[in-house]
């Protein structure tokens, strides 16, 4: 029982310490340094073209696997 409590407490402590390391600083005050009025949110990167490339590559890989599977069964 003592070993289980120690393991649980250690897991909780490590989880809390790691999650605190990934926090971001607060955004700058309104109008301070980003050249526009108001506080602008970031992170609006376009993912459209990269998403289509990944989908196309995945479809090509799946097609290749299906072709090989069907050609092996016919032999």
PDB file of N, CA and C in Angstrom:
ATOM      1  N   UNK A   1       0.832  -1.192   0.000  1.00  0.00           N
ATOM      2  CA  UNK A   1       0.000   0.000   0.000  1.00  0.00           C
ATOM      3  C   UNK A   1       0.880   1.261   0.000  1.00  0.00           C
ATOM      4  N   UNK A   2       1.978   1.200   0.768  1.00  0.00           N
ATOM      5  CA  UNK A   2       2.864   2.360   0.836  1.00  0.00           C
ATOM      6  C   UNK A   2       3.520   2.626  -0.526  1.00  0.00           C
ATOM      7  N   UNK A   3       3.843   1.556  -1.245  1.00  0.00           N
ATOM      8  CA  UNK A   3       4.456   1.708  -2.553  1.00  0.00           C
ATOM      9  C   UNK A   3       3.465   2.329  -3.546  1.00  0.00           C
ATOM     10  N   UNK A   4       2.202   1.960  -3.474  1.00  0.00           N
ATOM     11  CA  UNK A   4       1.193   2.512  -4.361  1.00  0.00           C
ATOM     12  C   UNK A   4       0.976   3.998  -4.095  1.00  0.00           C
ATOM     13  N   UNK A   5       0.943   4.396  -2.836  1.00  0.00           N
ATOM     14  CA  UNK A   5       0.756   5.808  -2.492  1.00  0.00           C
ATOM     15  C   UNK A   5       1.944   6.623  -2.976  1.00  0.00           C
ATOM     16  N   UNK A   6       3.143   6.085  -2.801  1.00  0.00           N
ATOM     17  CA  UNK A   6       4.344   6.776  -3.259  1.00  0.00           C
ATOM     18  C   UNK A   6       4.330   6.927  -4.784  1.00  0.00           C
ATOM     19  N   UNK A   7       3.918   5.886  -5.481  1.00  0.00           N
ATOM     20  CA  UNK A   7       3.860   5.940  -6.940  1.00  0.00           C
ATOM     21  C   UNK A   7       2.826   6.965  -7.401  1.00  0.00           C
ATOM     22  N   UNK A   8       1.665   6.997  -6.770  1.00  0.00           N
ATOM     23  CA  UNK A   8       0.616   7.946  -7.130  1.00  0.00           C
ATOM     24  C   UNK A   8       1.070   9.377  -6.884  1.00  0.00           C
ATOM     25  N   UNK A   9       1.674   9.634  -5.728  1.00  0.00           N
ATOM     26  CA  UNK A   9       2.140  10.983  -5.414  1.00  0.00           C
ATOM     27  C   UNK A   9       3.256  11.427  -6.361  1.00  0.00           C
ATOM     28  N   UNK A  10       4.149  10.516  -6.687  1.00  0.00           N
ATOM     29  CA  UNK A  10       5.225  10.849  -7.611  1.00  0.00           C
ATOM     30  C   UNK A  10       4.665  11.150  -8.997  1.00  0.00           C
ATOM     31  N   UNK A  11       3.689  10.374  -9.443  1.00  0.00           N
ATOM     32  CA  UNK A  11       3.072  10.609 -10.750  1.00  0.00           C
ATOM     33  C   UNK A  11       2.376  11.961 -10.787  1.00  0.00           C
ATOM     34  N   UNK A  12       1.647  12.300  -9.738  1.00  0.00           N
ATOM     35  CA  UNK A  12       0.964  13.596  -9.672  1.00  0.00           C
ATOM     36  C   UNK A  12       1.972  14.739  -9.672  1.00  0.00           C
ATOM     37  N   UNK A  13       3.042  14.601  -8.901  1.00  0.00           N
ATOM     38  CA  UNK A  13       4.046  15.662  -8.828  1.00  0.00           C
ATOM     39  C   UNK A  13       4.732  15.873 -10.174  1.00  0.00           C
ATOM     40  N   UNK A  14       5.083  14.799 -10.857  1.00  0.00           N
ATOM     41  CA  UNK A  14       5.732  14.930 -12.157  1.00  0.00           C
ATOM     42  C   UNK A  14       4.777  15.502 -13.208  1.00  0.00           C
ATOM     43  N   UNK A  15       3.516  15.102 -13.153  1.00  0.00           N
ATOM     44  CA  UNK A  15       2.537  15.619 -14.093  1.00  0.00           C
ATOM     45  C   UNK A  15       2.350  17.121 -13.915  1.00  0.00           C
ATOM     46  N   UNK A  16       2.249  17.571 -12.689  1.00  0.00           N
ATOM     47  CA  UNK A  16       2.056  18.996 -12.442  1.00  0.00           C
ATOM     48  C   UNK A  16       3.295  19.804 -12.797  1.00  0.00           C
ATOM     49  N   UNK A  17       4.466  19.264 -12.579  1.00  0.00           N
ATOM     50  CA  UNK A  17       5.680  20.020 -12.894  1.00  0.00           C
ATOM     51  C   UNK A  17       5.894  20.117 -14.405  1.00  0.00           C
ATOM     52  N   UNK A  18       5.547  19.090 -15.146  1.00  0.00           N
ATOM     53  CA  UNK A  18       5.713  19.118 -16.589  1.00  0.00           C
ATOM     54  C   UNK A  18       4.683  20.038 -17.226  1.00  0.00           C
ATOM     55  N   UNK A  19       3.438  19.981 -16.783  1.00  0.00           N
ATOM     56  CA  UNK A  19       2.410  20.819 -17.392  1.00  0.00           C
ATOM     57  C   UNK A  19       2.682  22.299 -17.144  1.00  0.00           C
ATOM     58  N   UNK A  20       3.333  22.635 -16.065  1.00  0.00           N
ATOM     59  CA  UNK A  20       3.671  24.021 -15.780  1.00  0.00           C
ATOM     60  C   UNK A  20       4.789  24.513 -16.710  1.00  0.00           C
ATOM     61  N   UNK A  21       5.602  23.625 -17.225  1.00  0.00           N
ATOM     62  CA  UNK A  21       6.692  24.004 -18.107  1.00  0.00           C
ATOM     63  C   UNK A  21       6.234  24.383 -19.504  1.00  0.00           C
ATOM     64  N   UNK A  22       5.018  24.012 -19.893  1.00  0.00           N
ATOM     65  CA  UNK A  22       4.515  24.299 -21.223  1.00  0.00           C
ATOM     66  C   UNK A  22       3.618  25.530 -21.270  1.00  0.00           C
ATOM     67  N   UNK A  23       3.530  26.270 -20.205  1.00  0.00           N
ATOM     68  CA  UNK A  23       2.662  27.447 -20.206  1.00  0.00           C
ATOM     69  C   UNK A  23       3.291  28.574 -21.015  1.00  0.00           C
ATOM     70  N   UNK A  24       2.452  29.454 -21.545  1.00  0.00           N
ATOM     71  CA  UNK A  24       2.914  30.583 -22.330  1.00  0.00           C
ATOM     72  C   UNK A  24       2.770  31.853 -21.510  1.00  0.00           C
ATOM     73  N   UNK A  25       3.625  32.831 -21.773  1.00  0.00           N
ATOM     74  CA  UNK A  25       3.480  34.098 -21.060  1.00  0.00           C
ATOM     75  C   UNK A  25       2.209  34.816 -21.522  1.00  0.00           C
ATOM     76  N   UNK A  26       1.673  35.696 -20.714  1.00  0.00           N
ATOM     77  CA  UNK A  26       0.462  36.415 -21.118  1.00  0.00           C
ATOM     78  C   UNK A  26       0.751  37.348 -22.296  1.00  0.00           C
ATOM     79  N   UNK A  27      -0.266  37.682 -23.087  1.00  0.00           N
ATOM     80  CA  UNK A  27      -0.048  38.562 -24.238  1.00  0.00           C
ATOM     81  C   UNK A  27       0.332  39.969 -23.773  1.00  0.00           C
ATOM     82  N   UNK A  28       0.985  40.736 -24.646  1.00  0.00           N
ATOM     83  CA  UNK A  28       1.376  42.087 -24.256  1.00  0.00           C
ATOM     84  C   UNK A  28       0.139  42.969 -24.046  1.00  0.00           C
ATOM     85  N   UNK A  29       0.272  44.032 -23.277  1.00  0.00           N
ATOM     86  CA  UNK A  29      -0.857  44.928 -23.066  1.00  0.00           C
ATOM     87  C   UNK A  29      -1.337  45.541 -24.377  1.00  0.00           C
ATOM     88  N   UNK A  30      -2.545  46.033 -24.384  1.00  0.00           N
ATOM     89  CA  UNK A  30      -3.157  46.587 -25.584  1.00  0.00           C
ATOM     90  C   UNK A  30      -2.307  47.719 -26.157  1.00  0.00           C
ATOM     91  N   UNK A  31      -1.976  47.624 -27.448  1.00  0.00           N
ATOM     92  CA  UNK A  31      -1.237  48.663 -28.151  1.00  0.00           C
ATOM     93  C   UNK A  31       0.238  48.724 -27.820  1.00  0.00           C
ATOM     94  N   UNK A  32       0.767  47.716 -27.162  1.00  0.00           N
ATOM     95  CA  UNK A  32       2.174  47.779 -26.775  1.00  0.00           C
ATOM     96  C   UNK A  32       3.021  46.893 -27.674  1.00  0.00           C
ATOM     97  N   UNK A  33       3.505  47.452 -28.759  1.00  0.00           N
ATOM     98  CA  UNK A  33       4.523  46.761 -29.516  1.00  0.00           C
ATOM     99  C   UNK A  33       4.084  46.006 -30.746  1.00  0.00           C
ATOM    100  N   UNK A  34       2.817  45.788 -31.015  1.00  0.00           N
ATOM    101  CA  UNK A  34       2.533  45.082 -32.247  1.00  0.00           C
ATOM    102  C   UNK A  34       1.915  45.966 -33.311  1.00  0.00           C
ATOM    103  N   UNK A  35       1.926  47.246 -33.172  1.00  0.00           N
ATOM    104  CA  UNK A  35       1.621  48.172 -34.235  1.00  0.00           C
ATOM    105  C   UNK A  35       0.165  48.270 -34.636  1.00  0.00           C
ATOM    106  N   UNK A  36      -0.724  47.696 -33.901  1.00  0.00           N
ATOM    107  CA  UNK A  36      -2.146  47.799 -34.226  1.00  0.00           C
ATOM    108  C   UNK A  36      -2.906  48.087 -32.936  1.00  0.00           C
ATOM    109  N   UNK A  37      -4.053  48.697 -33.100  1.00  0.00           N
ATOM    110  CA  UNK A  37      -4.848  48.974 -31.910  1.00  0.00           C
ATOM    111  C   UNK A  37      -5.547  47.690 -31.467  1.00  0.00           C
ATOM    112  N   UNK A  38      -5.628  47.495 -30.210  1.00  0.00           N
ATOM    113  CA  UNK A  38      -6.272  46.301 -29.660  1.00  0.00           C
ATOM    114  C   UNK A  38      -5.305  45.140 -29.557  1.00  0.00           C
ATOM    115  N   UNK A  39      -5.695  44.160 -28.805  1.00  0.00           N
ATOM    116  CA  UNK A  39      -4.857  42.986 -28.608  1.00  0.00           C
ATOM    117  C   UNK A  39      -5.211  41.950 -29.663  1.00  0.00           C
ATOM    118  N   UNK A  40      -4.262  41.602 -30.504  1.00  0.00           N
ATOM    119  CA  UNK A  40      -4.515  40.656 -31.577  1.00  0.00           C
ATOM    120  C   UNK A  40      -4.124  39.255 -31.142  1.00  0.00           C
ATOM    121  N   UNK A  41      -4.946  38.303 -31.541  1.00  0.00           N
ATOM    122  CA  UNK A  41      -4.613  36.919 -31.238  1.00  0.00           C
ATOM    123  C   UNK A  41      -3.779  36.359 -32.369  1.00  0.00           C
ATOM    124  N   UNK A  42      -2.916  35.448 -32.064  1.00  0.00           N
ATOM    125  CA  UNK A  42      -2.051  34.847 -33.063  1.00  0.00           C
ATOM    126  C   UNK A  42      -2.427  33.403 -33.317  1.00  0.00           C
ATOM    127  N   UNK A  43      -1.614  32.730 -34.095  1.00  0.00           N
ATOM    128  CA  UNK A  43      -1.811  31.320 -34.354  1.00  0.00           C
ATOM    129  C   UNK A  43      -2.759  31.014 -35.491  1.00  0.00           C
ATOM    130  N   UNK A  44      -2.963  31.923 -36.404  1.00  0.00           N
ATOM    131  CA  UNK A  44      -3.870  31.674 -37.511  1.00  0.00           C
ATOM    132  C   UNK A  44      -3.095  31.337 -38.773  1.00  0.00           C
ATOM    133  N   UNK A  45      -2.271  30.318 -38.710  1.00  0.00           N
ATOM    134  CA  UNK A  45      -1.474  29.918 -39.857  1.00  0.00           C
ATOM    135  C   UNK A  45      -2.323  29.085 -40.801  1.00  0.00           C
ATOM    136  N   UNK A  46      -2.194  29.293 -42.115  1.00  0.00           N
ATOM    137  CA  UNK A  46      -2.974  28.503 -43.057  1.00  0.00           C
ATOM    138  C   UNK A  46      -2.459  27.065 -43.119  1.00  0.00           C
ATOM    139  N   UNK A  47      -3.379  26.102 -43.105  1.00  0.00           N
ATOM    140  CA  UNK A  47      -2.973  24.699 -43.170  1.00  0.00           C
ATOM    141  C   UNK A  47      -3.526  24.008 -44.400  1.00  0.00           C
ATOM    142  N   UNK A  48      -4.201  24.744 -45.276  1.00  0.00           N
ATOM    143  CA  UNK A  48      -4.876  24.147 -46.418  1.00  0.00           C
ATOM    144  C   UNK A  48      -3.960  23.395 -47.356  1.00  0.00           C
ATOM    145  N   UNK A  49      -2.903  24.024 -47.846  1.00  0.00           N
ATOM    146  CA  UNK A  49      -2.054  23.365 -48.834  1.00  0.00           C
ATOM    147  C   UNK A  49      -1.281  22.200 -48.225  1.00  0.00           C
ATOM    148  N   UNK A  50      -0.812  22.350 -47.040  1.00  0.00           N
ATOM    149  CA  UNK A  50      -0.104  21.252 -46.378  1.00  0.00           C
ATOM    150  C   UNK A  50      -1.024  20.077 -46.106  1.00  0.00           C
ATOM    151  N   UNK A  51      -2.270  20.367 -45.777  1.00  0.00           N
ATOM    152  CA  UNK A  51      -3.236  19.301 -45.522  1.00  0.00           C
ATOM    153  C   UNK A  51      -3.510  18.514 -46.795  1.00  0.00           C
ATOM    154  N   UNK A  52      -3.658  19.205 -47.923  1.00  0.00           N
ATOM    155  CA  UNK A  52      -3.911  18.512 -49.181  1.00  0.00           C
ATOM    156  C   UNK A  52      -2.709  17.680 -49.617  1.00  0.00           C
ATOM    157  N   UNK A  53      -1.521  18.156 -49.352  1.00  0.00           N
ATOM    158  CA  UNK A  53      -0.322  17.382 -49.689  1.00  0.00           C
ATOM    159  C   UNK A  53      -0.289  16.100 -48.865  1.00  0.00           C
ATOM    160  N   UNK A  54      -0.560  16.205 -47.571  1.00  0.00           N
ATOM    161  CA  UNK A  54      -0.557  15.012 -46.717  1.00  0.00           C
ATOM    162  C   UNK A  54      -1.653  14.034 -47.115  1.00  0.00           C
ATOM    163  N   UNK A  55      -2.834  14.529 -47.451  1.00  0.00           N
ATOM    164  CA  UNK A  55      -3.917  13.650 -47.879  1.00  0.00           C
ATOM    165  C   UNK A  55      -3.558  12.959 -49.197  1.00  0.00           C
ATOM    166  N   UNK A  56      -2.956  13.693 -50.119  1.00  0.00           N
ATOM    167  CA  UNK A  56      -2.551  13.097 -51.392  1.00  0.00           C
ATOM    168  C   UNK A  56      -1.492  12.024 -51.212  1.00  0.00           C
ATOM    169  N   UNK A  57      -0.505  12.298 -50.368  1.00  0.00           N
ATOM    170  CA  UNK A  57       0.534  11.304 -50.111  1.00  0.00           C
ATOM    171  C   UNK A  57      -0.033  10.067 -49.423  1.00  0.00           C
ATOM    172  N   UNK A  58      -0.975  10.280 -48.504  1.00  0.00           N
ATOM    173  CA  UNK A  58      -1.611   9.147 -47.829  1.00  0.00           C
ATOM    174  C   UNK A  58      -2.427   8.307 -48.792  1.00  0.00           C
ATOM    175  N   UNK A  59      -3.132   8.960 -49.712  1.00  0.00           N
ATOM    176  CA  UNK A  59      -3.916   8.224 -50.708  1.00  0.00           C
ATOM    177  C   UNK A  59      -2.994   7.441 -51.643  1.00  0.00           C
ATOM    178  N   UNK A  60      -1.886   8.048 -52.050  1.00  0.00           N
ATOM    179  CA  UNK A  60      -0.939   7.355 -52.917  1.00  0.00           C
ATOM    180  C   UNK A  60      -0.328   6.150 -52.213  1.00  0.00           C
ATOM    181  N   UNK A  61       0.019   6.292 -50.959  1.00  0.00           N
ATOM    182  CA  UNK A  61       0.593   5.187 -50.186  1.00  0.00           C
ATOM    183  C   UNK A  61      -0.430   4.071 -50.017  1.00  0.00           C
ATOM    184  N   UNK A  62      -1.674   4.429 -49.719  1.00  0.00           N
ATOM    185  CA  UNK A  62      -2.726   3.426 -49.585  1.00  0.00           C
ATOM    186  C   UNK A  62      -2.984   2.706 -50.896  1.00  0.00           C
ATOM    187  N   UNK A  63      -2.973   3.446 -52.010  1.00  0.00           N
ATOM    188  CA  UNK A  63      -3.149   2.827 -53.316  1.00  0.00           C
ATOM    189  C   UNK A  63      -2.028   1.858 -53.643  1.00  0.00           C
ATOM    190  N   UNK A  64      -0.811   2.225 -53.293  1.00  0.00           N
ATOM    191  CA  UNK A  64       0.339   1.351 -53.525  1.00  0.00           C
ATOM    192  C   UNK A  64       0.199   0.063 -52.718  1.00  0.00           C
ATOM    193  N   UNK A  65      -0.225   0.198 -51.457  1.00  0.00           N
ATOM    194  CA  UNK A  65      -0.401  -0.982 -50.612  1.00  0.00           C
ATOM    195  C   UNK A  65      -1.497  -1.895 -51.162  1.00  0.00           C
ATOM    196  N   UNK A  66      -2.610  -1.301 -51.620  1.00  0.00           N
ATOM    197  CA  UNK A  66      -3.686  -2.102 -52.192  1.00  0.00           C
ATOM    198  C   UNK A  66      -3.251  -2.792 -53.478  1.00  0.00           C
ATOM    199  N   UNK A  67      -2.489  -2.096 -54.300  1.00  0.00           N
ATOM    200  CA  UNK A  67      -2.003  -2.687 -55.544  1.00  0.00           C
ATOM    201  C   UNK A  67      -1.108  -3.885 -55.250  1.00  0.00           C
ATOM    202  N   UNK A  68      -0.199  -3.738 -54.312  1.00  0.00           N
ATOM    203  CA  UNK A  68       0.696  -4.851 -53.960  1.00  0.00           C
ATOM    204  C   UNK A  68      -0.083  -6.018 -53.355  1.00  0.00           C
ATOM    205  N   UNK A  69      -1.075  -5.714 -52.532  1.00  0.00           N
ATOM    206  CA  UNK A  69      -1.876  -6.765 -51.920  1.00  0.00           C
ATOM    207  C   UNK A  69      -2.639  -7.539 -52.982  1.00  0.00           C
ATOM    208  N   UNK A  70      -3.242  -6.824 -53.935  1.00  0.00           N
ATOM    209  CA  UNK A  70      -3.998  -7.489 -54.991  1.00  0.00           C
ATOM    210  C   UNK A  70      -3.090  -8.255 -55.958  1.00  0.00           C
ATOM    211  N   UNK A  71      -1.890  -7.745 -56.233  1.00  0.00           N
ATOM    212  CA  UNK A  71      -0.992  -8.441 -57.153  1.00  0.00           C
ATOM    213  C   UNK A  71      -0.414  -9.690 -56.504  1.00  0.00           C
ATOM    214  N   UNK A  72      -0.241  -9.724 -55.200  1.00  0.00           N
ATOM    215  CA  UNK A  72       0.251 -10.909 -54.510  1.00  0.00           C
ATOM    216  C   UNK A  72      -0.823 -11.980 -54.442  1.00  0.00           C
ATOM    217  N   UNK A  73      -2.088 -11.612 -54.308  1.00  0.00           N
ATOM    218  CA  UNK A  73      -3.167 -12.593 -54.225  1.00  0.00           C
ATOM    219  C   UNK A  73      -3.406 -13.272 -55.559  1.00  0.00           C
ATOM    220  N   UNK A  74      -3.154 -12.582 -56.660  1.00  0.00           N
ATOM    221  CA  UNK A  74      -3.419 -13.141 -57.980  1.00  0.00           C
ATOM    222  C   UNK A  74      -2.368 -14.155 -58.386  1.00  0.00           C
ATOM    223  N   UNK A  75      -1.213 -14.186 -57.722  1.00  0.00           N
ATOM    224  CA  UNK A  75      -0.157 -15.135 -58.067  1.00  0.00           C
ATOM    225  C   UNK A  75      -0.432 -16.501 -57.562  1.00  0.00           C
TER     226      UNK A  75
END
